[in-house]
Amino acid sequence: MASEKVIRDLGNGLILRQSTIQDMEDLVAFHCEHHPPPGAARWAEYIKAWIRDLMTKSHPTFKPGDFTVIVDTNIQKIVSS
């Protein structure tokens, strides 16, 4: 997990920062865990494709650094996006 562009130190080991391409799989995991309705595995597949497309394909209004994430540096895990 990268920590290139810290926007704000939130205290207690939490930082707010811009995402990087290295965050892609962590973002996929986070969004798949938190957004699909329970039992809707089909939606998780859409979310995986959507996040990967946003992070890797040419998009007119989005680039890999456009997500903001809160990382718990104690466990090196995205806890909000």
PDB file of N, CA and C in Angstrom:
ATOM      1  N   MET A   1       0.835  -1.165   0.000  1.00  0.00           N
ATOM      2  CA  MET A   1       0.000   0.000   0.000  1.00  0.00           C
ATOM      3  C   MET A   1       0.888   1.239   0.000  1.00  0.00           C
ATOM      4  N   ALA A   2       0.638   2.109  -0.928  1.00  0.00           N
ATOM      5  CA  ALA A   2       1.464   3.299  -1.091  1.00  0.00           C
ATOM      6  C   ALA A   2       0.949   4.441  -0.217  1.00  0.00           C
ATOM      7  N   SER A   3       1.809   5.406   0.028  1.00  0.00           N
ATOM      8  CA  SER A   3       1.375   6.581   0.796  1.00  0.00           C
ATOM      9  C   SER A   3       1.948   7.842   0.175  1.00  0.00           C
ATOM     10  N   GLU A   4       1.779   7.983  -1.140  1.00  0.00           N
ATOM     11  CA  GLU A   4       2.398   9.083  -1.867  1.00  0.00           C
ATOM     12  C   GLU A   4       1.879  10.462  -1.477  1.00  0.00           C
ATOM     13  N   LYS A   5       0.586  10.698  -1.604  1.00  0.00           N
ATOM     14  CA  LYS A   5       0.036  12.045  -1.446  1.00  0.00           C
ATOM     15  C   LYS A   5      -0.885  12.106  -0.241  1.00  0.00           C
ATOM     16  N   VAL A   6      -0.283  12.340   0.932  1.00  0.00           N
ATOM     17  CA  VAL A   6      -1.080  12.460   2.150  1.00  0.00           C
ATOM     18  C   VAL A   6      -1.768  13.825   2.131  1.00  0.00           C
ATOM     19  N   ILE A   7      -3.074  13.803   2.291  1.00  0.00           N
ATOM     20  CA  ILE A   7      -3.862  15.030   2.338  1.00  0.00           C
ATOM     21  C   ILE A   7      -3.941  15.529   3.779  1.00  0.00           C
ATOM     22  N   ARG A   8      -4.180  14.585   4.704  1.00  0.00           N
ATOM     23  CA  ARG A   8      -4.299  14.975   6.103  1.00  0.00           C
ATOM     24  C   ARG A   8      -4.022  13.780   7.010  1.00  0.00           C
ATOM     25  N   ASP A   9      -3.292  14.030   8.085  1.00  0.00           N
ATOM     26  CA  ASP A   9      -3.118  13.040   9.142  1.00  0.00           C
ATOM     27  C   ASP A   9      -4.317  13.192  10.059  1.00  0.00           C
ATOM     28  N   LEU A  10      -5.096  12.127  10.219  1.00  0.00           N
ATOM     29  CA  LEU A  10      -6.326  12.181  11.011  1.00  0.00           C
ATOM     30  C   LEU A  10      -6.113  11.742  12.457  1.00  0.00           C
ATOM     31  N   GLY A  11      -4.889  11.349  12.788  1.00  0.00           N
ATOM     32  CA  GLY A  11      -4.590  10.889  14.137  1.00  0.00           C
ATOM     33  C   GLY A  11      -4.883   9.411  14.314  1.00  0.00           C
ATOM     34  N   ASN A  12      -4.379   8.845  15.377  1.00  0.00           N
ATOM     35  CA  ASN A  12      -4.578   7.427  15.703  1.00  0.00           C
ATOM     36  C   ASN A  12      -4.165   6.486  14.574  1.00  0.00           C
ATOM     37  N   GLY A  13      -3.186   6.883  13.780  1.00  0.00           N
ATOM     38  CA  GLY A  13      -2.700   6.025  12.706  1.00  0.00           C
ATOM     39  C   GLY A  13      -3.513   6.095  11.431  1.00  0.00           C
ATOM     40  N   LEU A  14      -4.480   7.012  11.356  1.00  0.00           N
ATOM     41  CA  LEU A  14      -5.302   7.158  10.156  1.00  0.00           C
ATOM     42  C   LEU A  14      -4.799   8.324   9.317  1.00  0.00           C
ATOM     43  N   ILE A  15      -4.686   8.090   8.013  1.00  0.00           N
ATOM     44  CA  ILE A  15      -4.328   9.167   7.102  1.00  0.00           C
ATOM     45  C   ILE A  15      -5.317   9.203   5.940  1.00  0.00           C
ATOM     46  N   LEU A  16      -5.599  10.397   5.487  1.00  0.00           N
ATOM     47  CA  LEU A  16      -6.404  10.627   4.296  1.00  0.00           C
ATOM     48  C   LEU A  16      -5.426  10.930   3.181  1.00  0.00           C
ATOM     49  N   ARG A  17      -5.551  10.214   2.066  1.00  0.00           N
ATOM     50  CA  ARG A  17      -4.633  10.454   0.949  1.00  0.00           C
ATOM     51  C   ARG A  17      -5.291  10.130  -0.367  1.00  0.00           C
ATOM     52  N   GLN A  18      -4.638  10.564  -1.439  1.00  0.00           N
ATOM     53  CA  GLN A  18      -5.068  10.212  -2.780  1.00  0.00           C
ATOM     54  C   GLN A  18      -4.667   8.766  -3.057  1.00  0.00           C
ATOM     55  N   SER A  19      -5.464   8.110  -3.877  1.00  0.00           N
ATOM     56  CA  SER A  19      -5.146   6.737  -4.272  1.00  0.00           C
ATOM     57  C   SER A  19      -4.017   6.725  -5.292  1.00  0.00           C
ATOM     58  N   THR A  20      -3.432   5.553  -5.465  1.00  0.00           N
ATOM     59  CA  THR A  20      -2.428   5.325  -6.499  1.00  0.00           C
ATOM     60  C   THR A  20      -2.804   4.039  -7.227  1.00  0.00           C
ATOM     61  N   ILE A  21      -2.192   3.804  -8.344  1.00  0.00           N
ATOM     62  CA  ILE A  21      -2.456   2.581  -9.096  1.00  0.00           C
ATOM     63  C   ILE A  21      -2.144   1.344  -8.249  1.00  0.00           C
ATOM     64  N   GLN A  22      -1.206   1.452  -7.336  1.00  0.00           N
ATOM     65  CA  GLN A  22      -0.857   0.330  -6.458  1.00  0.00           C
ATOM     66  C   GLN A  22      -1.993  -0.027  -5.496  1.00  0.00           C
ATOM     67  N   ASP A  23      -2.948   0.864  -5.329  1.00  0.00           N
ATOM     68  CA  ASP A  23      -4.092   0.617  -4.447  1.00  0.00           C
ATOM     69  C   ASP A  23      -5.214  -0.156  -5.130  1.00  0.00           C
ATOM     70  N   MET A  24      -5.094  -0.428  -6.410  1.00  0.00           N
ATOM     71  CA  MET A  24      -6.213  -0.964  -7.175  1.00  0.00           C
ATOM     72  C   MET A  24      -6.853  -2.189  -6.523  1.00  0.00           C
ATOM     73  N   GLU A  25      -6.095  -3.211  -6.223  1.00  0.00           N
ATOM     74  CA  GLU A  25      -6.696  -4.433  -5.678  1.00  0.00           C
ATOM     75  C   GLU A  25      -7.260  -4.222  -4.276  1.00  0.00           C
ATOM     76  N   ASP A  26      -6.631  -3.339  -3.485  1.00  0.00           N
ATOM     77  CA  ASP A  26      -7.176  -3.015  -2.170  1.00  0.00           C
ATOM     78  C   ASP A  26      -8.496  -2.245  -2.303  1.00  0.00           C
ATOM     79  N   LEU A  27      -8.579  -1.356  -3.307  1.00  0.00           N
ATOM     80  CA  LEU A  27      -9.830  -0.643  -3.560  1.00  0.00           C
ATOM     81  C   LEU A  27     -10.913  -1.605  -4.029  1.00  0.00           C
ATOM     82  N   VAL A  28     -10.548  -2.536  -4.907  1.00  0.00           N
ATOM     83  CA  VAL A  28     -11.507  -3.548  -5.368  1.00  0.00           C
ATOM     84  C   VAL A  28     -12.052  -4.318  -4.167  1.00  0.00           C
ATOM     85  N   ALA A  29     -11.162  -4.790  -3.318  1.00  0.00           N
ATOM     86  CA  ALA A  29     -11.585  -5.570  -2.147  1.00  0.00           C
ATOM     87  C   ALA A  29     -12.470  -4.736  -1.221  1.00  0.00           C
ATOM     88  N   PHE A  30     -12.066  -3.501  -0.960  1.00  0.00           N
ATOM     89  CA  PHE A  30     -12.843  -2.638  -0.067  1.00  0.00           C
ATOM     90  C   PHE A  30     -14.245  -2.404  -0.618  1.00  0.00           C
ATOM     91  N   HIS A  31     -14.329  -1.991  -1.880  1.00  0.00           N
ATOM     92  CA  HIS A  31     -15.639  -1.672  -2.457  1.00  0.00           C
ATOM     93  C   HIS A  31     -16.514  -2.911  -2.623  1.00  0.00           C
ATOM     94  N   CYS A  32     -15.929  -4.049  -2.920  1.00  0.00           N
ATOM     95  CA  CYS A  32     -16.712  -5.281  -3.019  1.00  0.00           C
ATOM     96  C   CYS A  32     -17.235  -5.719  -1.656  1.00  0.00           C
ATOM     97  N   GLU A  33     -16.509  -5.423  -0.624  1.00  0.00           N
ATOM     98  CA  GLU A  33     -16.934  -5.788   0.725  1.00  0.00           C
ATOM     99  C   GLU A  33     -18.052  -4.871   1.231  1.00  0.00           C
ATOM    100  N   HIS A  34     -18.008  -3.597   0.843  1.00  0.00           N
ATOM    101  CA  HIS A  34     -18.909  -2.617   1.447  1.00  0.00           C
ATOM    102  C   HIS A  34     -20.097  -2.178   0.597  1.00  0.00           C
ATOM    103  N   HIS A  35     -20.096  -2.428  -0.695  1.00  0.00           N
ATOM    104  CA  HIS A  35     -21.169  -1.877  -1.524  1.00  0.00           C
ATOM    105  C   HIS A  35     -22.234  -2.839  -2.014  1.00  0.00           C
ATOM    106  N   PRO A  36     -21.927  -4.070  -2.374  1.00  0.00           N
ATOM    107  CA  PRO A  36     -23.015  -4.925  -2.867  1.00  0.00           C
ATOM    108  C   PRO A  36     -23.998  -5.282  -1.746  1.00  0.00           C
ATOM    109  N   PRO A  37     -25.271  -5.413  -2.093  1.00  0.00           N
ATOM    110  CA  PRO A  37     -26.214  -5.890  -1.083  1.00  0.00           C
ATOM    111  C   PRO A  37     -25.846  -7.304  -0.655  1.00  0.00           C
ATOM    112  N   PRO A  38     -26.155  -7.692   0.569  1.00  0.00           N
ATOM    113  CA  PRO A  38     -25.847  -9.060   1.018  1.00  0.00           C
ATOM    114  C   PRO A  38     -26.413 -10.098   0.046  1.00  0.00           C
ATOM    115  N   GLY A  39     -25.599 -11.075  -0.289  1.00  0.00           N
ATOM    116  CA  GLY A  39     -26.020 -12.145  -1.181  1.00  0.00           C
ATOM    117  C   GLY A  39     -26.032 -11.785  -2.650  1.00  0.00           C
ATOM    118  N   ALA A  40     -25.519 -10.631  -3.003  1.00  0.00           N
ATOM    119  CA  ALA A  40     -25.543 -10.198  -4.404  1.00  0.00           C
ATOM    120  C   ALA A  40     -24.151 -10.298  -5.010  1.00  0.00           C
ATOM    121  N   ALA A  41     -23.652 -11.515  -5.123  1.00  0.00           N
ATOM    122  CA  ALA A  41     -22.306 -11.731  -5.669  1.00  0.00           C
ATOM    123  C   ALA A  41     -22.170 -11.153  -7.068  1.00  0.00           C
ATOM    124  N   ARG A  42     -23.264 -11.148  -7.821  1.00  0.00           N
ATOM    125  CA  ARG A  42     -23.231 -10.594  -9.184  1.00  0.00           C
ATOM    126  C   ARG A  42     -22.786  -9.135  -9.163  1.00  0.00           C
ATOM    127  N   TRP A  43     -23.252  -8.357  -8.181  1.00  0.00           N
ATOM    128  CA  TRP A  43     -22.863  -6.949  -8.082  1.00  0.00           C
ATOM    129  C   TRP A  43     -21.389  -6.790  -7.779  1.00  0.00           C
ATOM    130  N   ALA A  44     -20.835  -7.688  -7.001  1.00  0.00           N
ATOM    131  CA  ALA A  44     -19.401  -7.628  -6.703  1.00  0.00           C
ATOM    132  C   ALA A  44     -18.589  -7.730  -7.985  1.00  0.00           C
ATOM    133  N   GLU A  45     -19.028  -8.574  -8.908  1.00  0.00           N
ATOM    134  CA  GLU A  45     -18.307  -8.709 -10.185  1.00  0.00           C
ATOM    135  C   GLU A  45     -18.354  -7.404 -10.977  1.00  0.00           C
ATOM    136  N   TYR A  46     -19.484  -6.721 -10.963  1.00  0.00           N
ATOM    137  CA  TYR A  46     -19.591  -5.425 -11.641  1.00  0.00           C
ATOM    138  C   TYR A  46     -18.682  -4.395 -10.987  1.00  0.00           C
ATOM    139  N   ILE A  47     -18.663  -4.384  -9.666  1.00  0.00           N
ATOM    140  CA  ILE A  47     -17.824  -3.430  -8.936  1.00  0.00           C
ATOM    141  C   ILE A  47     -16.349  -3.685  -9.228  1.00  0.00           C
ATOM    142  N   LYS A  48     -15.936  -4.953  -9.234  1.00  0.00           N
ATOM    143  CA  LYS A  48     -14.543  -5.282  -9.562  1.00  0.00           C
ATOM    144  C   LYS A  48     -14.162  -4.720 -10.930  1.00  0.00           C
ATOM    145  N   ALA A  49     -15.002  -4.972 -11.916  1.00  0.00           N
ATOM    146  CA  ALA A  49     -14.714  -4.500 -13.276  1.00  0.00           C
ATOM    147  C   ALA A  49     -14.694  -2.977 -13.329  1.00  0.00           C
ATOM    148  N   TRP A  50     -15.626  -2.342 -12.650  1.00  0.00           N
ATOM    149  CA  TRP A  50     -15.726  -0.887 -12.669  1.00  0.00           C
ATOM    150  C   TRP A  50     -14.493  -0.237 -12.061  1.00  0.00           C
ATOM    151  N   ILE A  51     -14.066  -0.698 -10.882  1.00  0.00           N
ATOM    152  CA  ILE A  51     -12.886  -0.125 -10.223  1.00  0.00           C
ATOM    153  C   ILE A  51     -11.643  -0.341 -11.088  1.00  0.00           C
ATOM    154  N   ARG A  52     -11.481  -1.559 -11.601  1.00  0.00           N
ATOM    155  CA  ARG A  52     -10.303  -1.845 -12.440  1.00  0.00           C
ATOM    156  C   ARG A  52     -10.307  -0.995 -13.702  1.00  0.00           C
ATOM    157  N   ASP A  53     -11.479  -0.802 -14.315  1.00  0.00           N
ATOM    158  CA  ASP A  53     -11.566   0.060 -15.493  1.00  0.00           C
ATOM    159  C   ASP A  53     -11.173   1.493 -15.141  1.00  0.00           C
ATOM    160  N   LEU A  54     -11.711   2.013 -14.033  1.00  0.00           N
ATOM    161  CA  LEU A  54     -11.382   3.386 -13.640  1.00  0.00           C
ATOM    162  C   LEU A  54      -9.883   3.558 -13.386  1.00  0.00           C
ATOM    163  N   MET A  55      -9.262   2.540 -12.828  1.00  0.00           N
ATOM    164  CA  MET A  55      -7.847   2.645 -12.464  1.00  0.00           C
ATOM    165  C   MET A  55      -6.900   2.391 -13.634  1.00  0.00           C
ATOM    166  N   THR A  56      -7.339   1.669 -14.664  1.00  0.00           N
ATOM    167  CA  THR A  56      -6.386   1.254 -15.698  1.00  0.00           C
ATOM    168  C   THR A  56      -6.695   1.729 -17.111  1.00  0.00           C
ATOM    169  N   LYS A  57      -7.915   2.121 -17.379  1.00  0.00           N
ATOM    170  CA  LYS A  57      -8.276   2.499 -18.747  1.00  0.00           C
ATOM    171  C   LYS A  57      -8.380   3.999 -18.879  1.00  0.00           C
ATOM    172  N   SER A  58      -8.190   4.449 -20.094  1.00  0.00           N
ATOM    173  CA  SER A  58      -8.304   5.873 -20.367  1.00  0.00           C
ATOM    174  C   SER A  58      -9.741   6.314 -20.110  1.00  0.00           C
ATOM    175  N   HIS A  59      -9.886   7.313 -19.276  1.00  0.00           N
ATOM    176  CA  HIS A  59     -11.208   7.833 -18.932  1.00  0.00           C
ATOM    177  C   HIS A  59     -11.130   9.355 -18.999  1.00  0.00           C
ATOM    178  N   PRO A  60     -12.134   9.999 -19.576  1.00  0.00           N
ATOM    179  CA  PRO A  60     -12.024  11.454 -19.758  1.00  0.00           C
ATOM    180  C   PRO A  60     -12.056  12.265 -18.471  1.00  0.00           C
ATOM    181  N   THR A  61     -12.598  11.700 -17.380  1.00  0.00           N
ATOM    182  CA  THR A  61     -12.737  12.505 -16.163  1.00  0.00           C
ATOM    183  C   THR A  61     -12.189  11.827 -14.912  1.00  0.00           C
ATOM    184  N   PHE A  62     -11.501  10.701 -15.060  1.00  0.00           N
ATOM    185  CA  PHE A  62     -11.022   9.977 -13.884  1.00  0.00           C
ATOM    186  C   PHE A  62      -9.648   9.409 -14.150  1.00  0.00           C
ATOM    187  N   LYS A  63      -8.780   9.485 -13.130  1.00  0.00           N
ATOM    188  CA  LYS A  63      -7.447   8.874 -13.200  1.00  0.00           C
ATOM    189  C   LYS A  63      -7.178   8.163 -11.876  1.00  0.00           C
ATOM    190  N   PRO A  64      -6.154   7.324 -11.791  1.00  0.00           N
ATOM    191  CA  PRO A  64      -5.929   6.522 -10.589  1.00  0.00           C
ATOM    192  C   PRO A  64      -5.826   7.315  -9.281  1.00  0.00           C
ATOM    193  N   GLY A  65      -5.416   8.554  -9.312  1.00  0.00           N
ATOM    194  CA  GLY A  65      -5.292   9.341  -8.092  1.00  0.00           C
ATOM    195  C   GLY A  65      -6.568  10.042  -7.666  1.00  0.00           C
ATOM    196  N   ASP A  66      -7.675   9.765  -8.340  1.00  0.00           N
ATOM    197  CA  ASP A  66      -8.912  10.483  -8.045  1.00  0.00           C
ATOM    198  C   ASP A  66      -9.761   9.880  -6.929  1.00  0.00           C
ATOM    199  N   PHE A  67      -9.455   8.676  -6.499  1.00  0.00           N
ATOM    200  CA  PHE A  67     -10.110   8.172  -5.299  1.00  0.00           C
ATOM    201  C   PHE A  67      -9.425   8.837  -4.105  1.00  0.00           C
ATOM    202  N   THR A  68     -10.168   9.079  -3.059  1.00  0.00           N
ATOM    203  CA  THR A  68      -9.533   9.411  -1.791  1.00  0.00           C
ATOM    204  C   THR A  68      -9.742   8.206  -0.882  1.00  0.00           C
ATOM    205  N   VAL A  69      -8.743   7.923  -0.091  1.00  0.00           N
ATOM    206  CA  VAL A  69      -8.806   6.775   0.802  1.00  0.00           C
ATOM    207  C   VAL A  69      -8.353   7.189   2.194  1.00  0.00           C
ATOM    208  N   ILE A  70      -8.928   6.529   3.177  1.00  0.00           N
ATOM    209  CA  ILE A  70      -8.408   6.638   4.533  1.00  0.00           C
ATOM    210  C   ILE A  70      -7.741   5.306   4.819  1.00  0.00           C
ATOM    211  N   VAL A  71      -6.486   5.380   5.194  1.00  0.00           N
ATOM    212  CA  VAL A  71      -5.689   4.189   5.467  1.00  0.00           C
ATOM    213  C   VAL A  71      -5.377   4.136   6.957  1.00  0.00           C
ATOM    214  N   ASP A  72      -5.591   2.968   7.537  1.00  0.00           N
ATOM    215  CA  ASP A  72      -5.154   2.726   8.909  1.00  0.00           C
ATOM    216  C   ASP A  72      -3.719   2.231   8.800  1.00  0.00           C
ATOM    217  N   THR A  73      -2.771   3.086   9.146  1.00  0.00           N
ATOM    218  CA  THR A  73      -1.360   2.737   8.998  1.00  0.00           C
ATOM    219  C   THR A  73      -0.915   1.689  10.002  1.00  0.00           C
ATOM    220  N   ASN A  74      -1.701   1.463  11.035  1.00  0.00           N
ATOM    221  CA  ASN A  74      -1.364   0.411  12.003  1.00  0.00           C
ATOM    222  C   ASN A  74      -1.487  -0.976  11.378  1.00  0.00           C
ATOM    223  N   ILE A  75      -2.426  -1.109  10.444  1.00  0.00           N
ATOM    224  CA  ILE A  75      -2.646  -2.405   9.792  1.00  0.00           C
ATOM    225  C   ILE A  75      -2.447  -2.335   8.283  1.00  0.00           C
ATOM    226  N   GLN A  76      -2.058  -1.137   7.778  1.00  0.00           N
ATOM    227  CA  GLN A  76      -1.832  -0.933   6.346  1.00  0.00           C
ATOM    228  C   GLN A  76      -3.023  -1.394   5.520  1.00  0.00           C
ATOM    229  N   LYS A  77      -4.202  -0.869   5.877  1.00  0.00           N
ATOM    230  CA  LYS A  77      -5.430  -1.272   5.197  1.00  0.00           C
ATOM    231  C   LYS A  77      -6.300  -0.060   4.932  1.00  0.00           C
ATOM    232  N   ILE A  78      -6.926  -0.037   3.737  1.00  0.00           N
ATOM    233  CA  ILE A  78      -7.905   0.998   3.434  1.00  0.00           C
ATOM    234  C   ILE A  78      -9.134   0.735   4.290  1.00  0.00           C
ATOM    235  N   VAL A  79      -9.552   1.758   5.039  1.00  0.00           N
ATOM    236  CA  VAL A  79     -10.735   1.615   5.888  1.00  0.00           C
ATOM    237  C   VAL A  79     -11.882   2.510   5.445  1.00  0.00           C
ATOM    238  N   SER A  80     -11.635   3.354   4.446  1.00  0.00           N
ATOM    239  CA  SER A  80     -12.683   4.182   3.861  1.00  0.00           C
ATOM    240  C   SER A  80     -12.236   4.638   2.486  1.00  0.00           C
ATOM    241  N   SER A  81     -13.201   4.836   1.603  1.00  0.00           N
ATOM    242  CA  SER A  81     -12.910   5.305   0.250  1.00  0.00           C
ATOM    243  C   SER A  81     -14.135   6.017  -0.289  1.00  0.00           C
TER     244      SER A  81
END
